[in-house]
Amino acid sequence: MNLSATLILAFGMSMDAFAASIGKGATLHKPPLREALRTGLIFGTIEAITPLIGWSLGLLASHYIMEWDHWVAFVLLACLGVRMMMSGFGKQAEAKPPIGHHSLKVLVFTAIATSLDALAIGVGLAFLEVNILHTAMIIGLATMLMATLGMLLGRFIGPILGKKAEIIGGVILIGIGCNILYAHIGPALMARF
């Protein structure tokens, strides 16, 4: 796989992290650059690790991984999205001081949920002659860049949306989960009709 194909793959895979980080940035009270970089680093690191895991599993478990990865991603993103929406509705009922950063646990779970497709991509890369370390590094760097930019963009969207930012962020996460699920099972459903 040449460099341009790897870059297209990397930035394509980083779009889920970009959308999720916009939602995360919008829910924070003016997140500083270091919070955006922290989020980008967490998302990028996890996005770089998951294709390595998928590649290592390769032929051994590819059928099982590709059969369930979309369901796991959907459930994780839906749970995180519902949690954000409930928190957003809760804010309207009671005034809480705005937070300046997300917990490590929330960021890691969100990053894992948005990078499960990279696990399946890693399995696919096991069948190609690629330098998996080089490819995973490019995927991680692209995701780090896009997640950082998403957090910074979310910083400007958050004050405009106000209390609705967390609800919209939750809807975005649920939408990403639905999109992942539809991409995997939609064509099979359409073929039946």
C-alpha atoms as a PDB file:
ATOM      1  CA  MET A   1       0.000   0.000   0.000  1.00  0.00           C
ATOM      2  CA  ASN A   2       1.504   3.351  -1.009  1.00  0.00           C
ATOM      3  CA  LEU A   3       1.679   6.491   1.128  1.00  0.00           C
ATOM      4  CA  SER A   4      -1.309   8.236  -0.467  1.00  0.00           C
ATOM      5  CA  ALA A   5      -3.537   5.181   0.066  1.00  0.00           C
ATOM      6  CA  THR A   6      -2.340   4.956   3.671  1.00  0.00           C
ATOM      7  CA  LEU A   7      -3.114   8.655   4.258  1.00  0.00           C
ATOM      8  CA  ILE A   8      -6.589   8.316   2.755  1.00  0.00           C
ATOM      9  CA  LEU A   9      -7.210   5.275   4.968  1.00  0.00           C
ATOM     10  CA  ALA A  10      -5.866   7.077   8.044  1.00  0.00           C
ATOM     11  CA  PHE A  11      -7.918  10.252   7.627  1.00  0.00           C
ATOM     12  CA  GLY A  12     -11.005   8.259   6.671  1.00  0.00           C
ATOM     13  CA  MET A  13     -10.681   6.219   9.852  1.00  0.00           C
ATOM     14  CA  SER A  14     -10.187   9.368  11.941  1.00  0.00           C
ATOM     15  CA  MET A  15     -13.565  10.890  11.012  1.00  0.00           C
ATOM     16  CA  ASP A  16     -15.436   9.100  13.820  1.00  0.00           C
ATOM     17  CA  ALA A  17     -12.918  10.414  16.351  1.00  0.00           C
ATOM     18  CA  PHE A  18     -13.226  13.892  14.815  1.00  0.00           C
ATOM     19  CA  ALA A  19     -17.025  13.919  15.167  1.00  0.00           C
ATOM     20  CA  ALA A  20     -16.905  12.506  18.700  1.00  0.00           C
ATOM     21  CA  SER A  21     -14.278  15.029  19.795  1.00  0.00           C
ATOM     22  CA  ILE A  22     -16.360  17.922  18.460  1.00  0.00           C
ATOM     23  CA  GLY A  23     -19.140  16.734  20.753  1.00  0.00           C
ATOM     24  CA  LYS A  24     -16.697  16.317  23.640  1.00  0.00           C
ATOM     25  CA  GLY A  25     -15.254  19.804  23.085  1.00  0.00           C
ATOM     26  CA  ALA A  26     -18.703  21.364  22.897  1.00  0.00           C
ATOM     27  CA  THR A  27     -19.673  19.944  26.289  1.00  0.00           C
ATOM     28  CA  LEU A  28     -16.692  21.483  28.071  1.00  0.00           C
ATOM     29  CA  HIS A  29     -16.390  25.022  29.341  1.00  0.00           C
ATOM     30  CA  LYS A  30     -13.764  26.558  27.033  1.00  0.00           C
ATOM     31  CA  PRO A  31     -11.385  23.585  26.976  1.00  0.00           C
ATOM     32  CA  PRO A  32      -7.762  24.731  26.842  1.00  0.00           C
ATOM     33  CA  LEU A  33      -5.309  23.609  24.170  1.00  0.00           C
ATOM     34  CA  ARG A  34      -3.743  21.082  26.576  1.00  0.00           C
ATOM     35  CA  GLU A  35      -7.161  19.359  26.962  1.00  0.00           C
ATOM     36  CA  ALA A  36      -7.529  19.213  23.178  1.00  0.00           C
ATOM     37  CA  LEU A  37      -4.025  17.758  22.887  1.00  0.00           C
ATOM     38  CA  ARG A  38      -4.752  15.268  25.690  1.00  0.00           C
ATOM     39  CA  THR A  39      -7.902  14.132  23.909  1.00  0.00           C
ATOM     40  CA  GLY A  40      -6.062  13.901  20.595  1.00  0.00           C
ATOM     41  CA  LEU A  41      -3.264  11.879  22.180  1.00  0.00           C
ATOM     42  CA  ILE A  42      -5.691   9.414  23.802  1.00  0.00           C
ATOM     43  CA  PHE A  43      -7.739   8.977  20.625  1.00  0.00           C
ATOM     44  CA  GLY A  44      -4.625   8.742  18.431  1.00  0.00           C
ATOM     45  CA  THR A  45      -2.885   6.213  20.663  1.00  0.00           C
ATOM     46  CA  ILE A  46      -5.906   3.928  20.825  1.00  0.00           C
ATOM     47  CA  GLU A  47      -6.555   4.301  17.098  1.00  0.00           C
ATOM     48  CA  ALA A  48      -2.922   3.286  16.426  1.00  0.00           C
ATOM     49  CA  ILE A  49      -3.075   0.278  18.765  1.00  0.00           C
ATOM     50  CA  THR A  50      -6.308  -1.249  17.466  1.00  0.00           C
ATOM     51  CA  PRO A  51      -5.083  -2.008  13.905  1.00  0.00           C
ATOM     52  CA  LEU A  52      -2.005  -3.622  15.450  1.00  0.00           C
ATOM     53  CA  ILE A  53      -4.255  -5.865  17.544  1.00  0.00           C
ATOM     54  CA  GLY A  54      -6.406  -6.689  14.514  1.00  0.00           C
ATOM     55  CA  TRP A  55      -3.358  -7.364  12.366  1.00  0.00           C
ATOM     56  CA  SER A  56      -1.892  -9.686  15.013  1.00  0.00           C
ATOM     57  CA  LEU A  57      -5.108 -11.670  15.212  1.00  0.00           C
ATOM     58  CA  GLY A  58      -5.100 -11.876  11.411  1.00  0.00           C
ATOM     59  CA  LEU A  59      -6.460 -15.078  10.014  1.00  0.00           C
ATOM     60  CA  LEU A  60      -6.984 -16.752  13.385  1.00  0.00           C
ATOM     61  CA  ALA A  61     -10.097 -14.895  14.407  1.00  0.00           C
ATOM     62  CA  SER A  62     -10.964 -12.571  11.532  1.00  0.00           C
ATOM     63  CA  HIS A  63     -14.429 -14.046  11.035  1.00  0.00           C
ATOM     64  CA  TYR A  64     -15.393 -13.582  14.683  1.00  0.00           C
ATOM     65  CA  ILE A  65     -13.935 -10.076  14.987  1.00  0.00           C
ATOM     66  CA  MET A  66     -15.610  -8.790  11.853  1.00  0.00           C
ATOM     67  CA  GLU A  67     -18.866 -10.451  12.893  1.00  0.00           C
ATOM     68  CA  TRP A  68     -19.120  -8.595  16.226  1.00  0.00           C
ATOM     69  CA  ASP A  69     -16.994  -5.402  16.090  1.00  0.00           C
ATOM     70  CA  HIS A  70     -19.837  -3.227  14.785  1.00  0.00           C
ATOM     71  CA  TRP A  71     -22.200  -4.401  17.534  1.00  0.00           C
ATOM     72  CA  VAL A  72     -19.637  -3.671  20.259  1.00  0.00           C
ATOM     73  CA  ALA A  73     -18.948  -0.219  18.799  1.00  0.00           C
ATOM     74  CA  PHE A  74     -22.680   0.511  18.520  1.00  0.00           C
ATOM     75  CA  VAL A  75     -23.422  -0.501  22.126  1.00  0.00           C
ATOM     76  CA  LEU A  76     -20.468   1.468  23.546  1.00  0.00           C
ATOM     77  CA  LEU A  77     -21.282   4.612  21.559  1.00  0.00           C
ATOM     78  CA  ALA A  78     -25.009   4.344  22.299  1.00  0.00           C
ATOM     79  CA  CYS A  79     -24.357   3.969  26.045  1.00  0.00           C
ATOM     80  CA  LEU A  80     -21.942   6.919  26.063  1.00  0.00           C
ATOM     81  CA  GLY A  81     -24.369   8.978  23.976  1.00  0.00           C
ATOM     82  CA  VAL A  82     -27.334   8.236  26.226  1.00  0.00           C
ATOM     83  CA  ARG A  83     -25.198   9.066  29.265  1.00  0.00           C
ATOM     84  CA  MET A  84     -24.230  12.424  27.722  1.00  0.00           C
ATOM     85  CA  MET A  85     -27.831  13.201  26.808  1.00  0.00           C
ATOM     86  CA  MET A  86     -29.072  12.370  30.301  1.00  0.00           C
ATOM     87  CA  SER A  87     -26.358  14.570  31.741  1.00  0.00           C
ATOM     88  CA  GLY A  88     -27.383  17.355  29.353  1.00  0.00           C
ATOM     89  CA  PHE A  89     -31.018  17.125  30.368  1.00  0.00           C
ATOM     90  CA  GLY A  90     -29.920  17.027  34.019  1.00  0.00           C
ATOM     91  CA  LYS A  91     -28.044  20.285  33.588  1.00  0.00           C
ATOM     92  CA  GLN A  92     -31.231  22.026  32.592  1.00  0.00           C
ATOM     93  CA  ALA A  93     -32.925  20.956  35.801  1.00  0.00           C
ATOM     94  CA  GLU A  94     -30.073  21.856  38.123  1.00  0.00           C
ATOM     95  CA  ALA A  95     -27.249  24.308  37.611  1.00  0.00           C
ATOM     96  CA  LYS A  96     -23.842  22.593  37.793  1.00  0.00           C
ATOM     97  CA  PRO A  97     -20.537  24.354  37.419  1.00  0.00           C
ATOM     98  CA  PRO A  98     -19.114  23.786  33.919  1.00  0.00           C
ATOM     99  CA  ILE A  99     -16.331  21.233  33.640  1.00  0.00           C
ATOM    100  CA  GLY A 100     -12.984  21.973  32.024  1.00  0.00           C
ATOM    101  CA  HIS A 101     -11.979  18.421  31.084  1.00  0.00           C
ATOM    102  CA  HIS A 102     -13.330  14.920  30.627  1.00  0.00           C
ATOM    103  CA  SER A 103     -12.247  12.033  32.796  1.00  0.00           C
ATOM    104  CA  LEU A 104      -9.654   9.657  31.400  1.00  0.00           C
ATOM    105  CA  LYS A 105     -12.195   6.810  31.620  1.00  0.00           C
ATOM    106  CA  VAL A 106     -14.760   8.635  29.464  1.00  0.00           C
ATOM    107  CA  LEU A 107     -12.161   9.552  26.849  1.00  0.00           C
ATOM    108  CA  VAL A 108     -10.717   6.034  26.712  1.00  0.00           C
ATOM    109  CA  PHE A 109     -14.158   4.394  26.339  1.00  0.00           C
ATOM    110  CA  THR A 110     -15.129   6.881  23.619  1.00  0.00           C
ATOM    111  CA  ALA A 111     -11.811   6.343  21.826  1.00  0.00           C
ATOM    112  CA  ILE A 112     -12.184   2.553  21.996  1.00  0.00           C
ATOM    113  CA  ALA A 113     -15.736   2.730  20.684  1.00  0.00           C
ATOM    114  CA  THR A 114     -14.748   4.929  17.733  1.00  0.00           C
ATOM    115  CA  SER A 115     -11.681   2.808  16.903  1.00  0.00           C
ATOM    116  CA  LEU A 116     -13.212  -0.657  16.742  1.00  0.00           C
ATOM    117  CA  ASP A 117     -13.440  -0.303  12.965  1.00  0.00           C
ATOM    118  CA  ALA A 118      -9.638   0.039  13.005  1.00  0.00           C
ATOM    119  CA  LEU A 119      -9.497  -3.419  14.576  1.00  0.00           C
ATOM    120  CA  ALA A 120     -11.329  -4.866  11.578  1.00  0.00           C
ATOM    121  CA  ILE A 121      -9.118  -2.841   9.213  1.00  0.00           C
ATOM    122  CA  GLY A 122      -6.086  -4.337  10.968  1.00  0.00           C
ATOM    123  CA  VAL A 123      -7.429  -7.816  10.288  1.00  0.00           C
ATOM    124  CA  GLY A 124      -7.796  -6.889   6.614  1.00  0.00           C
ATOM    125  CA  LEU A 125      -4.275  -5.469   6.524  1.00  0.00           C
ATOM    126  CA  ALA A 126      -2.947  -8.844   7.684  1.00  0.00           C
ATOM    127  CA  PHE A 127      -3.833 -10.175   4.233  1.00  0.00           C
ATOM    128  CA  LEU A 128      -1.902  -7.423   2.446  1.00  0.00           C
ATOM    129  CA  GLU A 129       1.800  -6.822   2.325  1.00  0.00           C
ATOM    130  CA  VAL A 130       1.999  -3.678   4.442  1.00  0.00           C
ATOM    131  CA  ASN A 131       4.340  -2.361   7.068  1.00  0.00           C
ATOM    132  CA  ILE A 132       1.806  -2.492   9.886  1.00  0.00           C
ATOM    133  CA  LEU A 133       3.855  -0.354  12.273  1.00  0.00           C
ATOM    134  CA  HIS A 134       4.178   2.404   9.684  1.00  0.00           C
ATOM    135  CA  THR A 135       0.481   2.182   8.804  1.00  0.00           C
ATOM    136  CA  ALA A 136      -0.645   2.160  12.460  1.00  0.00           C
ATOM    137  CA  MET A 137       1.578   5.155  13.225  1.00  0.00           C
ATOM    138  CA  ILE A 138       0.063   7.160  10.361  1.00  0.00           C
ATOM    139  CA  ILE A 139      -3.468   6.181  11.447  1.00  0.00           C
ATOM    140  CA  GLY A 140      -2.682   7.232  15.036  1.00  0.00           C
ATOM    141  CA  LEU A 141      -1.160  10.568  13.986  1.00  0.00           C
ATOM    142  CA  ALA A 142      -4.081  11.380  11.683  1.00  0.00           C
ATOM    143  CA  THR A 143      -6.548  10.568  14.448  1.00  0.00           C
ATOM    144  CA  MET A 144      -4.586  12.605  16.968  1.00  0.00           C
ATOM    145  CA  LEU A 145      -4.667  15.596  14.630  1.00  0.00           C
ATOM    146  CA  MET A 146      -8.365  15.244  13.820  1.00  0.00           C
ATOM    147  CA  ALA A 147      -9.442  14.677  17.443  1.00  0.00           C
ATOM    148  CA  THR A 148      -7.433  17.686  18.599  1.00  0.00           C
ATOM    149  CA  LEU A 149      -8.975  19.846  15.873  1.00  0.00           C
ATOM    150  CA  GLY A 150     -12.418  18.480  16.761  1.00  0.00           C
ATOM    151  CA  MET A 151     -11.992  19.479  20.411  1.00  0.00           C
ATOM    152  CA  LEU A 152     -10.886  22.976  19.397  1.00  0.00           C
ATOM    153  CA  LEU A 153     -13.822  23.300  17.013  1.00  0.00           C
ATOM    154  CA  GLY A 154     -16.146  22.059  19.750  1.00  0.00           C
ATOM    155  CA  ARG A 155     -14.797  24.825  21.998  1.00  0.00           C
ATOM    156  CA  PHE A 156     -16.371  27.409  19.714  1.00  0.00           C
ATOM    157  CA  ILE A 157     -19.574  25.475  19.143  1.00  0.00           C
ATOM    158  CA  GLY A 158     -20.163  24.847  22.878  1.00  0.00           C
ATOM    159  CA  PRO A 159     -20.880  28.451  23.925  1.00  0.00           C
ATOM    160  CA  ILE A 160     -23.254  28.895  20.987  1.00  0.00           C
ATOM    161  CA  LEU A 161     -25.216  25.778  21.898  1.00  0.00           C
ATOM    162  CA  GLY A 162     -25.088  26.315  25.647  1.00  0.00           C
ATOM    163  CA  LYS A 163     -26.769  23.583  27.682  1.00  0.00           C
ATOM    164  CA  LYS A 164     -27.817  21.721  24.531  1.00  0.00           C
ATOM    165  CA  ALA A 165     -24.181  20.907  23.649  1.00  0.00           C
ATOM    166  CA  GLU A 166     -24.101  17.745  25.743  1.00  0.00           C
ATOM    167  CA  ILE A 167     -27.409  16.541  24.318  1.00  0.00           C
ATOM    168  CA  ILE A 168     -26.197  17.168  20.764  1.00  0.00           C
ATOM    169  CA  GLY A 169     -22.853  15.495  21.595  1.00  0.00           C
ATOM    170  CA  GLY A 170     -24.765  12.430  22.806  1.00  0.00           C
ATOM    171  CA  VAL A 171     -26.864  12.384  19.640  1.00  0.00           C
ATOM    172  CA  ILE A 172     -23.642  12.576  17.577  1.00  0.00           C
ATOM    173  CA  LEU A 173     -22.162   9.562  19.406  1.00  0.00           C
ATOM    174  CA  ILE A 174     -25.366   7.559  18.943  1.00  0.00           C
ATOM    175  CA  GLY A 175     -25.406   8.599  15.280  1.00  0.00           C
ATOM    176  CA  ILE A 176     -21.814   7.399  14.808  1.00  0.00           C
ATOM    177  CA  GLY A 177     -22.772   4.073  16.407  1.00  0.00           C
ATOM    178  CA  CYS A 178     -25.815   3.736  14.135  1.00  0.00           C
ATOM    179  CA  ASN A 179     -23.691   4.585  11.104  1.00  0.00           C
ATOM    180  CA  ILE A 180     -21.127   1.905  12.011  1.00  0.00           C
ATOM    181  CA  LEU A 181     -23.929  -0.625  12.525  1.00  0.00           C
ATOM    182  CA  TYR A 182     -25.658   0.307   9.269  1.00  0.00           C
ATOM    183  CA  ALA A 183     -22.384   0.100   7.301  1.00  0.00           C
ATOM    184  CA  HIS A 184     -22.000  -3.506   8.448  1.00  0.00           C
ATOM    185  CA  ILE A 185     -25.558  -4.844   8.369  1.00  0.00           C
ATOM    186  CA  GLY A 186     -27.357  -2.410   6.039  1.00  0.00           C
ATOM    187  CA  PRO A 187     -26.239  -3.973   2.739  1.00  0.00           C
ATOM    188  CA  ALA A 188     -27.217  -7.461   3.947  1.00  0.00           C
ATOM    189  CA  LEU A 189     -30.659  -6.193   4.988  1.00  0.00           C
ATOM    190  CA  MET A 190     -31.165  -4.408   1.677  1.00  0.00           C
ATOM    191  CA  ALA A 191     -30.202  -7.562  -0.235  1.00  0.00           C
ATOM    192  CA  ARG A 192     -32.990  -9.501   1.493  1.00  0.00           C
ATOM    193  CA  PHE A 193     -35.665  -7.130   0.192  1.00  0.00           C
END
